């Protein structure tokens, strides 16, 4: 597809296969990452012309995984700050959802079924917590 469409740049949130494919086609690669324990960072960072990571991502991990200081952009905050920019919560939502707004509410984002960190057992703590809550 890339040969047919002639993209100018490959931009991703760290899929290493895309970074490797783009590099083989001599396309500039920009990758973003916010999880320092992702094993594929090594490949994605080495292929990338620019690595974007939050400032809280440990610099020593970035460098150890192949990011280069002159080609790394560390931004303030987390990617969720970008995704939620401008979001204004609906003050009546909890009541309409049958949730007592006078009590603390917890929102949990489960891992994606096909995410690498999910396949290697990292979601067990979420499952254990969910099971514990269900028994209460």
C-alpha atoms as a PDB file:
ATOM      1  CA  UNK A   1       0.000   0.000   0.000  1.00  0.00           C
ATOM      2  CA  UNK A   2       2.791   2.470   0.835  1.00  0.00           C
ATOM      3  CA  UNK A   3       4.293   2.032  -2.606  1.00  0.00           C
ATOM      4  CA  UNK A   4       0.908   2.769  -4.208  1.00  0.00           C
ATOM      5  CA  UNK A   5       0.018   5.775  -2.061  1.00  0.00           C
ATOM      6  CA  UNK A   6       3.478   7.355  -1.633  1.00  0.00           C
ATOM      7  CA  UNK A   7       3.159   8.653   1.958  1.00  0.00           C
ATOM      8  CA  UNK A   8       5.509  11.423   3.051  1.00  0.00           C
ATOM      9  CA  UNK A   9       6.015  10.245   6.643  1.00  0.00           C
ATOM     10  CA  UNK A  10       5.030   7.357   8.912  1.00  0.00           C
ATOM     11  CA  UNK A  11       3.547   8.464  12.236  1.00  0.00           C
ATOM     12  CA  UNK A  12       2.489   5.989  14.888  1.00  0.00           C
ATOM     13  CA  UNK A  13       2.097   5.234  18.554  1.00  0.00           C
ATOM     14  CA  UNK A  14       4.919   2.702  18.552  1.00  0.00           C
ATOM     15  CA  UNK A  15       3.933  -0.140  16.266  1.00  0.00           C
ATOM     16  CA  UNK A  16       7.388  -1.458  15.502  1.00  0.00           C
ATOM     17  CA  UNK A  17       6.273  -3.227  12.298  1.00  0.00           C
ATOM     18  CA  UNK A  18       5.207   0.091  10.777  1.00  0.00           C
ATOM     19  CA  UNK A  19       8.477   1.735  11.787  1.00  0.00           C
ATOM     20  CA  UNK A  20      10.524  -1.079  10.232  1.00  0.00           C
ATOM     21  CA  UNK A  21       8.436  -1.076   7.042  1.00  0.00           C
ATOM     22  CA  UNK A  22       8.687   2.710   6.723  1.00  0.00           C
ATOM     23  CA  UNK A  23      12.440   2.613   7.294  1.00  0.00           C
ATOM     24  CA  UNK A  24      12.805  -0.043   4.559  1.00  0.00           C
ATOM     25  CA  UNK A  25      10.921   2.290   2.194  1.00  0.00           C
ATOM     26  CA  UNK A  26      13.189   5.178   3.269  1.00  0.00           C
ATOM     27  CA  UNK A  27      10.292   7.130   4.741  1.00  0.00           C
ATOM     28  CA  UNK A  28      10.818   9.413   7.719  1.00  0.00           C
ATOM     29  CA  UNK A  29       9.463   7.772  10.878  1.00  0.00           C
ATOM     30  CA  UNK A  30       7.953   9.493  13.902  1.00  0.00           C
ATOM     31  CA  UNK A  31       6.867   7.291  16.795  1.00  0.00           C
ATOM     32  CA  UNK A  32       5.314   8.126  20.137  1.00  0.00           C
ATOM     33  CA  UNK A  33       5.519   5.972  23.233  1.00  0.00           C
ATOM     34  CA  UNK A  34       4.452   6.273  26.844  1.00  0.00           C
ATOM     35  CA  UNK A  35       5.188   2.808  28.249  1.00  0.00           C
ATOM     36  CA  UNK A  36       8.830   2.206  29.105  1.00  0.00           C
ATOM     37  CA  UNK A  37       8.440  -1.563  29.473  1.00  0.00           C
ATOM     38  CA  UNK A  38       7.265  -2.189  25.901  1.00  0.00           C
ATOM     39  CA  UNK A  39       9.773  -4.674  24.422  1.00  0.00           C
ATOM     40  CA  UNK A  40       9.201  -3.401  20.867  1.00  0.00           C
ATOM     41  CA  UNK A  41      10.527   0.055  21.804  1.00  0.00           C
ATOM     42  CA  UNK A  42      14.004  -1.137  20.842  1.00  0.00           C
ATOM     43  CA  UNK A  43      13.032  -1.604  17.207  1.00  0.00           C
ATOM     44  CA  UNK A  44      10.648   1.353  16.916  1.00  0.00           C
ATOM     45  CA  UNK A  45      13.076   3.813  18.545  1.00  0.00           C
ATOM     46  CA  UNK A  46      16.025   2.688  16.403  1.00  0.00           C
ATOM     47  CA  UNK A  47      13.977   3.079  13.217  1.00  0.00           C
ATOM     48  CA  UNK A  48      12.530   6.462  14.183  1.00  0.00           C
ATOM     49  CA  UNK A  49      13.757   9.838  13.022  1.00  0.00           C
ATOM     50  CA  UNK A  50      11.809  11.335  15.929  1.00  0.00           C
ATOM     51  CA  UNK A  51      10.677   9.693  19.167  1.00  0.00           C
ATOM     52  CA  UNK A  52       8.006  11.528  21.190  1.00  0.00           C
ATOM     53  CA  UNK A  53       7.619  10.554  24.834  1.00  0.00           C
ATOM     54  CA  UNK A  54       6.288  12.258  27.941  1.00  0.00           C
ATOM     55  CA  UNK A  55       8.844  13.884  30.239  1.00  0.00           C
ATOM     56  CA  UNK A  56       7.961  11.313  32.917  1.00  0.00           C
ATOM     57  CA  UNK A  57       9.216   8.478  30.670  1.00  0.00           C
ATOM     58  CA  UNK A  58      12.666   7.834  32.190  1.00  0.00           C
ATOM     59  CA  UNK A  59      15.393   9.289  29.960  1.00  0.00           C
ATOM     60  CA  UNK A  60      17.773   6.428  30.705  1.00  0.00           C
ATOM     61  CA  UNK A  61      15.123   3.955  29.437  1.00  0.00           C
ATOM     62  CA  UNK A  62      14.604   5.998  26.252  1.00  0.00           C
ATOM     63  CA  UNK A  63      18.315   5.982  25.498  1.00  0.00           C
ATOM     64  CA  UNK A  64      18.792   2.325  26.455  1.00  0.00           C
ATOM     65  CA  UNK A  65      16.006   1.398  24.045  1.00  0.00           C
ATOM     66  CA  UNK A  66      17.596   3.169  21.102  1.00  0.00           C
ATOM     67  CA  UNK A  67      16.209   6.704  21.190  1.00  0.00           C
ATOM     68  CA  UNK A  68      18.804   9.321  20.255  1.00  0.00           C
ATOM     69  CA  UNK A  69      19.046  12.540  22.293  1.00  0.00           C
ATOM     70  CA  UNK A  70      18.956  14.865  19.278  1.00  0.00           C
ATOM     71  CA  UNK A  71      15.933  13.075  17.836  1.00  0.00           C
ATOM     72  CA  UNK A  72      13.790  12.794  20.934  1.00  0.00           C
ATOM     73  CA  UNK A  73      10.995  15.166  21.872  1.00  0.00           C
ATOM     74  CA  UNK A  74       9.925  14.955  25.502  1.00  0.00           C
ATOM     75  CA  UNK A  75       6.649  16.710  26.124  1.00  0.00           C
ATOM     76  CA  UNK A  76       5.018  17.753  29.404  1.00  0.00           C
ATOM     77  CA  UNK A  77       2.066  15.734  30.640  1.00  0.00           C
ATOM     78  CA  UNK A  78       0.707  12.453  29.361  1.00  0.00           C
ATOM     79  CA  UNK A  79      -1.006  11.467  26.132  1.00  0.00           C
ATOM     80  CA  UNK A  80      -4.285  11.395  28.047  1.00  0.00           C
ATOM     81  CA  UNK A  81      -3.920  15.165  28.483  1.00  0.00           C
ATOM     82  CA  UNK A  82      -4.075  15.450  24.707  1.00  0.00           C
ATOM     83  CA  UNK A  83      -6.981  13.025  24.342  1.00  0.00           C
ATOM     84  CA  UNK A  84      -8.985  14.786  27.061  1.00  0.00           C
ATOM     85  CA  UNK A  85      -8.078  18.357  26.105  1.00  0.00           C
ATOM     86  CA  UNK A  86     -11.184  20.484  26.192  1.00  0.00           C
ATOM     87  CA  UNK A  87     -13.287  17.748  27.833  1.00  0.00           C
ATOM     88  CA  UNK A  88     -15.922  19.030  30.206  1.00  0.00           C
ATOM     89  CA  UNK A  89     -17.639  16.372  32.295  1.00  0.00           C
ATOM     90  CA  UNK A  90     -21.434  16.290  32.327  1.00  0.00           C
ATOM     91  CA  UNK A  91     -22.361  17.035  35.968  1.00  0.00           C
ATOM     92  CA  UNK A  92     -25.579  14.994  35.723  1.00  0.00           C
ATOM     93  CA  UNK A  93     -24.085  11.874  34.165  1.00  0.00           C
ATOM     94  CA  UNK A  94     -23.394   9.924  37.390  1.00  0.00           C
ATOM     95  CA  UNK A  95     -26.963  10.360  38.583  1.00  0.00           C
ATOM     96  CA  UNK A  96     -28.418   9.297  35.222  1.00  0.00           C
ATOM     97  CA  UNK A  97     -26.115   6.249  35.283  1.00  0.00           C
ATOM     98  CA  UNK A  98     -27.418   5.276  38.727  1.00  0.00           C
ATOM     99  CA  UNK A  99     -24.133   6.118  40.495  1.00  0.00           C
ATOM    100  CA  UNK A 100     -24.251   7.879  43.859  1.00  0.00           C
ATOM    101  CA  UNK A 101     -22.386  11.118  43.146  1.00  0.00           C
ATOM    102  CA  UNK A 102     -21.717  11.677  46.855  1.00  0.00           C
ATOM    103  CA  UNK A 103     -19.390   8.638  46.912  1.00  0.00           C
ATOM    104  CA  UNK A 104     -16.025   8.301  45.166  1.00  0.00           C
ATOM    105  CA  UNK A 105     -16.269   6.887  41.649  1.00  0.00           C
ATOM    106  CA  UNK A 106     -13.516   4.937  39.960  1.00  0.00           C
ATOM    107  CA  UNK A 107     -13.145   4.626  36.209  1.00  0.00           C
ATOM    108  CA  UNK A 108     -11.035   1.736  34.953  1.00  0.00           C
ATOM    109  CA  UNK A 109      -9.717   1.379  31.422  1.00  0.00           C
ATOM    110  CA  UNK A 110      -8.996  -2.301  30.832  1.00  0.00           C
ATOM    111  CA  UNK A 111      -6.129  -3.244  28.534  1.00  0.00           C
ATOM    112  CA  UNK A 112      -6.947  -3.904  24.891  1.00  0.00           C
ATOM    113  CA  UNK A 113      -7.429  -7.623  24.232  1.00  0.00           C
ATOM    114  CA  UNK A 114      -4.597  -7.733  21.695  1.00  0.00           C
ATOM    115  CA  UNK A 115      -2.184  -5.380  23.475  1.00  0.00           C
ATOM    116  CA  UNK A 116       1.243  -6.861  24.152  1.00  0.00           C
ATOM    117  CA  UNK A 117       1.077  -6.035  27.830  1.00  0.00           C
ATOM    118  CA  UNK A 118      -2.268  -7.854  28.072  1.00  0.00           C
ATOM    119  CA  UNK A 119      -1.013 -11.072  26.482  1.00  0.00           C
ATOM    120  CA  UNK A 120       1.840 -11.432  28.964  1.00  0.00           C
ATOM    121  CA  UNK A 121      -0.307 -11.400  32.094  1.00  0.00           C
ATOM    122  CA  UNK A 122      -0.024  -7.737  33.040  1.00  0.00           C
ATOM    123  CA  UNK A 123      -3.804  -7.455  33.284  1.00  0.00           C
ATOM    124  CA  UNK A 124      -4.005 -10.081  36.061  1.00  0.00           C
ATOM    125  CA  UNK A 125      -4.039  -7.348  38.694  1.00  0.00           C
ATOM    126  CA  UNK A 126      -7.049  -5.733  36.993  1.00  0.00           C
ATOM    127  CA  UNK A 127      -8.814  -9.120  36.852  1.00  0.00           C
ATOM    128  CA  UNK A 128      -8.024  -9.797  40.524  1.00  0.00           C
ATOM    129  CA  UNK A 129      -9.272  -6.374  41.536  1.00  0.00           C
ATOM    130  CA  UNK A 130     -12.456  -6.835  39.464  1.00  0.00           C
ATOM    131  CA  UNK A 131     -13.080 -10.271  41.013  1.00  0.00           C
ATOM    132  CA  UNK A 132     -12.531  -8.833  44.510  1.00  0.00           C
ATOM    133  CA  UNK A 133     -14.974  -5.997  43.823  1.00  0.00           C
ATOM    134  CA  UNK A 134     -17.596  -8.416  42.495  1.00  0.00           C
ATOM    135  CA  UNK A 135     -17.425 -10.460  45.725  1.00  0.00           C
ATOM    136  CA  UNK A 136     -17.920  -7.403  47.970  1.00  0.00           C
END
